[in-house]
Amino acid sequence: MRNQTSSHRYPPSSVAPEFINKVEGELSRRLGQPVTLVLADGIIGVRSEGGLVAGESVVVKVHPLLHRMRTVEWADDLERKIHRLASRAEDVERLYAAIQKSPSPEKTGEIVLDHIGDYDDDFFEALGTMITHEKGCLHLSRVRNFEALRAYLRVVRRRARNGETAAMWRELAQGAAQEKALGNGSLSPLRCA
């Protein structure tokens, strides 16, 4: 029954294979690389052979596209999504590089909080695509690092949405103060009597 409801909401037959082929052709021409579109129940996967989304799938919800009847309208939306994710992947790489250069956990926290408004759904989708890509290339240390970054950013985003941004900044300041006190010898280690 659930499949029937789902199919009723997003009828696969409402988009003709010939139309999908035309959209593929238009998108391939625009991007300058072969593009394959796969229509599933409620989503469309976009895959290219090179460049922007090389070997990875960009997933787009079909429902918003269904009211558009022209090939160029579909191609416009899909092209925007591809470019947006490519841009967000660059943002992920910049954040990752800055964190890798960070001299301390507190500085890492500052870097993350400085960009707190950037962690939208596209950012996480681009990060997920990068994780999949790195797994495919067997860059396991980057996979672990990206997965840890994703987990950390999810916590930061959740806390920010709950109005805890100021609290996170205070926690960073307290951590930096404790680190400084330890470095100056102000806090003596516990000793056994």
C-alpha atoms as a PDB file:
ATOM      1  CA  MET A   1       0.000   0.000   0.000  1.00  0.00           C
ATOM      2  CA  ARG A   2       2.812   2.383   0.866  1.00  0.00           C
ATOM      3  CA  ASN A   3       4.422   1.889  -2.546  1.00  0.00           C
ATOM      4  CA  GLN A   4       1.134   2.701  -4.233  1.00  0.00           C
ATOM      5  CA  THR A   5       0.850   5.914  -2.236  1.00  0.00           C
ATOM      6  CA  SER A   6       4.422   6.812  -3.058  1.00  0.00           C
ATOM      7  CA  SER A   7       3.905   6.035  -6.730  1.00  0.00           C
ATOM      8  CA  HIS A   8       0.719   8.095  -6.677  1.00  0.00           C
ATOM      9  CA  ARG A   9       2.610  11.085  -5.293  1.00  0.00           C
ATOM     10  CA  TYR A  10       5.503  10.720  -7.750  1.00  0.00           C
ATOM     11  CA  PRO A  11       4.220   8.759 -10.737  1.00  0.00           C
ATOM     12  CA  PRO A  12       7.268   7.476 -12.652  1.00  0.00           C
ATOM     13  CA  SER A  13       5.219   7.271 -15.841  1.00  0.00           C
ATOM     14  CA  SER A  14       4.530  11.015 -15.713  1.00  0.00           C
ATOM     15  CA  VAL A  15       8.041  11.661 -17.029  1.00  0.00           C
ATOM     16  CA  ALA A  16       8.661  10.070 -20.393  1.00  0.00           C
ATOM     17  CA  PRO A  17      12.060   8.433 -21.029  1.00  0.00           C
ATOM     18  CA  GLU A  18      12.380  10.572 -24.169  1.00  0.00           C
ATOM     19  CA  PHE A  19      12.055  13.714 -22.038  1.00  0.00           C
ATOM     20  CA  ILE A  20      14.760  12.456 -19.659  1.00  0.00           C
ATOM     21  CA  ASN A  21      17.003  11.791 -22.685  1.00  0.00           C
ATOM     22  CA  LYS A  22      16.479  15.383 -23.865  1.00  0.00           C
ATOM     23  CA  VAL A  23      17.348  16.731 -20.395  1.00  0.00           C
ATOM     24  CA  GLU A  24      20.485  14.543 -20.362  1.00  0.00           C
ATOM     25  CA  GLY A  25      21.503  15.957 -23.730  1.00  0.00           C
ATOM     26  CA  GLU A  26      20.912  19.557 -22.656  1.00  0.00           C
ATOM     27  CA  LEU A  27      22.766  19.094 -19.374  1.00  0.00           C
ATOM     28  CA  SER A  28      25.652  17.273 -21.083  1.00  0.00           C
ATOM     29  CA  ARG A  29      25.969  20.131 -23.565  1.00  0.00           C
ATOM     30  CA  ARG A  30      25.966  22.759 -20.795  1.00  0.00           C
ATOM     31  CA  LEU A  31      28.457  20.965 -18.559  1.00  0.00           C
ATOM     32  CA  GLY A  32      30.670  19.826 -21.412  1.00  0.00           C
ATOM     33  CA  GLN A  33      30.667  16.237 -20.179  1.00  0.00           C
ATOM     34  CA  PRO A  34      28.426  13.188 -20.580  1.00  0.00           C
ATOM     35  CA  VAL A  35      25.637  13.168 -18.001  1.00  0.00           C
ATOM     36  CA  THR A  36      23.306  10.327 -17.059  1.00  0.00           C
ATOM     37  CA  LEU A  37      19.960  10.888 -15.339  1.00  0.00           C
ATOM     38  CA  VAL A  38      18.251   8.108 -13.425  1.00  0.00           C
ATOM     39  CA  LEU A  39      14.653   8.612 -12.409  1.00  0.00           C
ATOM     40  CA  ALA A  40      13.522   6.771  -9.283  1.00  0.00           C
ATOM     41  CA  ASP A  41      10.470   7.101  -7.089  1.00  0.00           C
ATOM     42  CA  GLY A  42      10.490  10.748  -6.051  1.00  0.00           C
ATOM     43  CA  ILE A  43      14.124  11.497  -6.897  1.00  0.00           C
ATOM     44  CA  ILE A  44      16.378  11.909  -9.874  1.00  0.00           C
ATOM     45  CA  GLY A  45      20.050  10.990  -9.777  1.00  0.00           C
ATOM     46  CA  VAL A  46      22.488  12.996 -11.887  1.00  0.00           C
ATOM     47  CA  ARG A  47      25.820  11.380 -12.686  1.00  0.00           C
ATOM     48  CA  SER A  48      28.615  12.639 -14.915  1.00  0.00           C
ATOM     49  CA  GLU A  49      31.785  11.092 -16.239  1.00  0.00           C
ATOM     50  CA  GLY A  50      34.101  13.962 -15.411  1.00  0.00           C
ATOM     51  CA  GLY A  51      34.482  17.334 -13.790  1.00  0.00           C
ATOM     52  CA  LEU A  52      31.958  18.662 -11.326  1.00  0.00           C
ATOM     53  CA  VAL A  53      30.310  15.482 -10.063  1.00  0.00           C
ATOM     54  CA  ALA A  54      32.707  12.934 -11.513  1.00  0.00           C
ATOM     55  CA  GLY A  55      31.542   9.438 -10.708  1.00  0.00           C
ATOM     56  CA  GLU A  56      29.238  10.637  -7.947  1.00  0.00           C
ATOM     57  CA  SER A  57      25.489  11.056  -8.008  1.00  0.00           C
ATOM     58  CA  VAL A  58      23.723  14.286  -7.235  1.00  0.00           C
ATOM     59  CA  VAL A  59      20.220  13.544  -6.012  1.00  0.00           C
ATOM     60  CA  VAL A  60      17.383  15.970  -6.678  1.00  0.00           C
ATOM     61  CA  LYS A  61      13.744  15.670  -5.629  1.00  0.00           C
ATOM     62  CA  VAL A  62      11.572  15.253  -8.685  1.00  0.00           C
ATOM     63  CA  HIS A  63       8.376  16.723  -7.249  1.00  0.00           C
ATOM     64  CA  PRO A  64       9.405  20.397  -7.673  1.00  0.00           C
ATOM     65  CA  LEU A  65      10.374  19.672 -11.275  1.00  0.00           C
ATOM     66  CA  LEU A  66       7.116  17.988 -12.285  1.00  0.00           C
ATOM     67  CA  HIS A  67       5.256  21.239 -12.922  1.00  0.00           C
ATOM     68  CA  ARG A  68       7.983  22.297 -15.366  1.00  0.00           C
ATOM     69  CA  MET A  69       7.327  21.087 -18.895  1.00  0.00           C
ATOM     70  CA  ARG A  70      10.371  22.291 -20.805  1.00  0.00           C
ATOM     71  CA  THR A  71      13.723  20.552 -21.089  1.00  0.00           C
ATOM     72  CA  VAL A  72      15.631  23.764 -20.374  1.00  0.00           C
ATOM     73  CA  GLU A  73      13.733  24.301 -17.114  1.00  0.00           C
ATOM     74  CA  TRP A  74      14.775  20.877 -15.821  1.00  0.00           C
ATOM     75  CA  ALA A  75      18.318  21.439 -17.035  1.00  0.00           C
ATOM     76  CA  ASP A  76      18.411  24.852 -15.305  1.00  0.00           C
ATOM     77  CA  ASP A  77      17.399  23.361 -11.949  1.00  0.00           C
ATOM     78  CA  LEU A  78      19.755  20.394 -12.210  1.00  0.00           C
ATOM     79  CA  GLU A  79      22.655  22.569 -13.349  1.00  0.00           C
ATOM     80  CA  ARG A  80      22.107  24.944 -10.406  1.00  0.00           C
ATOM     81  CA  LYS A  81      22.108  21.999  -7.998  1.00  0.00           C
ATOM     82  CA  ILE A  82      25.326  20.599  -9.483  1.00  0.00           C
ATOM     83  CA  HIS A  83      27.086  23.966  -9.319  1.00  0.00           C
ATOM     84  CA  ARG A  84      25.826  24.592  -5.780  1.00  0.00           C
ATOM     85  CA  LEU A  85      27.150  21.224  -4.599  1.00  0.00           C
ATOM     86  CA  ALA A  86      30.464  21.761  -6.387  1.00  0.00           C
ATOM     87  CA  SER A  87      30.770  25.126  -4.637  1.00  0.00           C
ATOM     88  CA  ARG A  88      29.856  23.567  -1.292  1.00  0.00           C
ATOM     89  CA  ALA A  89      32.470  20.840  -1.864  1.00  0.00           C
ATOM     90  CA  GLU A  90      35.046  23.628  -2.229  1.00  0.00           C
ATOM     91  CA  ASP A  91      33.789  25.089   1.071  1.00  0.00           C
ATOM     92  CA  VAL A  92      34.218  21.681   2.723  1.00  0.00           C
ATOM     93  CA  GLU A  93      37.784  21.419   1.402  1.00  0.00           C
ATOM     94  CA  ARG A  94      38.635  24.929   2.653  1.00  0.00           C
ATOM     95  CA  LEU A  95      37.227  24.176   6.111  1.00  0.00           C
ATOM     96  CA  TYR A  96      39.038  20.835   6.202  1.00  0.00           C
ATOM     97  CA  ALA A  97      42.353  22.461   5.197  1.00  0.00           C
ATOM     98  CA  ALA A  98      41.972  25.182   7.839  1.00  0.00           C
ATOM     99  CA  ILE A  99      41.236  22.591  10.511  1.00  0.00           C
ATOM    100  CA  GLN A 100      44.245  20.507   9.450  1.00  0.00           C
ATOM    101  CA  LYS A 101      46.470  23.576  10.002  1.00  0.00           C
ATOM    102  CA  SER A 102      44.873  24.401  13.339  1.00  0.00           C
ATOM    103  CA  PRO A 103      47.378  24.473  16.216  1.00  0.00           C
ATOM    104  CA  SER A 104      44.880  23.555  18.945  1.00  0.00           C
ATOM    105  CA  PRO A 105      41.397  22.192  19.624  1.00  0.00           C
ATOM    106  CA  GLU A 106      40.308  25.667  20.723  1.00  0.00           C
ATOM    107  CA  LYS A 107      41.473  27.200  17.441  1.00  0.00           C
ATOM    108  CA  THR A 108      39.661  24.415  15.561  1.00  0.00           C
ATOM    109  CA  GLY A 109      36.500  25.290  17.487  1.00  0.00           C
ATOM    110  CA  GLU A 110      36.921  28.950  16.562  1.00  0.00           C
ATOM    111  CA  ILE A 111      37.329  28.069  12.882  1.00  0.00           C
ATOM    112  CA  VAL A 112      34.160  25.966  12.981  1.00  0.00           C
ATOM    113  CA  LEU A 113      32.134  28.578  14.859  1.00  0.00           C
ATOM    114  CA  ASP A 114      33.321  31.370  12.554  1.00  0.00           C
ATOM    115  CA  HIS A 115      31.556  29.550   9.705  1.00  0.00           C
ATOM    116  CA  ILE A 116      28.524  28.333  11.656  1.00  0.00           C
ATOM    117  CA  GLY A 117      26.055  29.767   9.146  1.00  0.00           C
ATOM    118  CA  ASP A 118      27.599  27.719   6.327  1.00  0.00           C
ATOM    119  CA  TYR A 119      26.505  24.279   7.512  1.00  0.00           C
ATOM    120  CA  ASP A 120      23.305  23.920   5.521  1.00  0.00           C
ATOM    121  CA  ASP A 121      21.876  20.811   3.886  1.00  0.00           C
ATOM    122  CA  ASP A 122      23.903  21.381   0.692  1.00  0.00           C
ATOM    123  CA  PHE A 123      27.092  21.554   2.750  1.00  0.00           C
ATOM    124  CA  PHE A 124      26.309  18.217   4.419  1.00  0.00           C
ATOM    125  CA  GLU A 125      25.282  16.688   1.085  1.00  0.00           C
ATOM    126  CA  ALA A 126      28.590  17.794  -0.461  1.00  0.00           C
ATOM    127  CA  LEU A 127      30.464  16.411   2.562  1.00  0.00           C
ATOM    128  CA  GLY A 128      28.629  13.084   2.222  1.00  0.00           C
ATOM    129  CA  THR A 129      29.487  12.924  -1.484  1.00  0.00           C
ATOM    130  CA  MET A 130      33.136  13.602  -0.658  1.00  0.00           C
ATOM    131  CA  ILE A 131      33.137  10.802   1.925  1.00  0.00           C
ATOM    132  CA  THR A 132      31.721   8.397  -0.663  1.00  0.00           C
ATOM    133  CA  HIS A 133      34.321   9.524  -3.197  1.00  0.00           C
ATOM    134  CA  GLU A 134      37.215   9.126  -0.751  1.00  0.00           C
ATOM    135  CA  LYS A 135      35.990   5.637   0.200  1.00  0.00           C
ATOM    136  CA  GLY A 136      35.967   4.705  -3.472  1.00  0.00           C
ATOM    137  CA  CYS A 137      39.534   5.960  -3.826  1.00  0.00           C
ATOM    138  CA  LEU A 138      40.559   4.123  -0.624  1.00  0.00           C
ATOM    139  CA  HIS A 139      41.761   7.331   1.032  1.00  0.00           C
ATOM    140  CA  LEU A 140      40.782   5.902   4.397  1.00  0.00           C
ATOM    141  CA  SER A 141      42.460   8.514   6.586  1.00  0.00           C
ATOM    142  CA  ARG A 142      40.531  11.262   4.787  1.00  0.00           C
ATOM    143  CA  VAL A 143      37.350   9.186   5.119  1.00  0.00           C
ATOM    144  CA  ARG A 144      37.847   8.962   8.893  1.00  0.00           C
ATOM    145  CA  ASN A 145      38.641  12.669   9.114  1.00  0.00           C
ATOM    146  CA  PHE A 146      35.630  13.683   7.003  1.00  0.00           C
ATOM    147  CA  GLU A 147      33.334  11.391   8.999  1.00  0.00           C
ATOM    148  CA  ALA A 148      34.615  12.882  12.271  1.00  0.00           C
ATOM    149  CA  LEU A 149      34.144  16.375  10.831  1.00  0.00           C
ATOM    150  CA  ARG A 150      30.588  15.545   9.786  1.00  0.00           C
ATOM    151  CA  ALA A 151      29.738  14.215  13.267  1.00  0.00           C
ATOM    152  CA  TYR A 152      31.259  17.293  14.923  1.00  0.00           C
ATOM    153  CA  LEU A 153      29.488  19.705  12.569  1.00  0.00           C
ATOM    154  CA  ARG A 154      26.157  17.991  13.164  1.00  0.00           C
ATOM    155  CA  VAL A 155      26.543  18.601  16.902  1.00  0.00           C
ATOM    156  CA  VAL A 156      27.576  22.213  16.302  1.00  0.00           C
ATOM    157  CA  ARG A 157      24.645  22.807  13.925  1.00  0.00           C
ATOM    158  CA  ARG A 158      22.176  21.207  16.334  1.00  0.00           C
ATOM    159  CA  ARG A 159      23.442  23.306  19.231  1.00  0.00           C
ATOM    160  CA  ALA A 160      23.379  26.472  17.121  1.00  0.00           C
ATOM    161  CA  ARG A 161      19.781  25.769  16.090  1.00  0.00           C
ATOM    162  CA  ASN A 162      18.952  25.374  19.794  1.00  0.00           C
ATOM    163  CA  GLY A 163      20.370  28.850  20.484  1.00  0.00           C
ATOM    164  CA  GLU A 164      23.602  27.635  22.097  1.00  0.00           C
ATOM    165  CA  THR A 165      26.121  29.506  19.921  1.00  0.00           C
ATOM    166  CA  ALA A 166      27.125  31.895  22.713  1.00  0.00           C
ATOM    167  CA  ALA A 167      27.562  28.942  25.076  1.00  0.00           C
ATOM    168  CA  MET A 168      29.882  27.250  22.562  1.00  0.00           C
ATOM    169  CA  TRP A 169      32.001  30.406  22.348  1.00  0.00           C
ATOM    170  CA  ARG A 170      32.196  30.522  26.169  1.00  0.00           C
ATOM    171  CA  GLU A 171      33.272  26.866  26.248  1.00  0.00           C
ATOM    172  CA  LEU A 172      36.055  27.643  23.773  1.00  0.00           C
ATOM    173  CA  ALA A 173      37.217  30.595  25.856  1.00  0.00           C
ATOM    174  CA  GLN A 174      37.228  28.462  29.015  1.00  0.00           C
ATOM    175  CA  GLY A 175      39.197  25.727  27.236  1.00  0.00           C
ATOM    176  CA  ALA A 176      41.740  28.270  25.988  1.00  0.00           C
ATOM    177  CA  ALA A 177      42.095  29.746  29.490  1.00  0.00           C
ATOM    178  CA  GLN A 178      42.651  26.296  30.983  1.00  0.00           C
ATOM    179  CA  GLU A 179      45.204  25.446  28.309  1.00  0.00           C
ATOM    180  CA  LYS A 180      47.033  28.699  28.956  1.00  0.00           C
ATOM    181  CA  ALA A 181      46.992  28.112  32.726  1.00  0.00           C
ATOM    182  CA  LEU A 182      48.413  24.615  32.226  1.00  0.00           C
ATOM    183  CA  GLY A 183      51.115  26.016  29.954  1.00  0.00           C
ATOM    184  CA  ASN A 184      52.127  28.617  32.553  1.00  0.00           C
ATOM    185  CA  GLY A 185      52.213  26.074  35.352  1.00  0.00           C
ATOM    186  CA  SER A 186      49.442  27.874  37.210  1.00  0.00           C
ATOM    187  CA  LEU A 187      47.505  24.665  37.656  1.00  0.00           C
ATOM    188  CA  SER A 188      49.694  22.104  39.326  1.00  0.00           C
ATOM    189  CA  PRO A 189      49.059  18.453  38.509  1.00  0.00           C
ATOM    190  CA  LEU A 190      47.521  16.279  41.195  1.00  0.00           C
ATOM    191  CA  ARG A 191      50.132  14.572  43.338  1.00  0.00           C
ATOM    192  CA  CYS A 192      49.861  11.499  45.505  1.00  0.00           C
ATOM    193  CA  ALA A 193      50.759  12.090  49.131  1.00  0.00           C
END
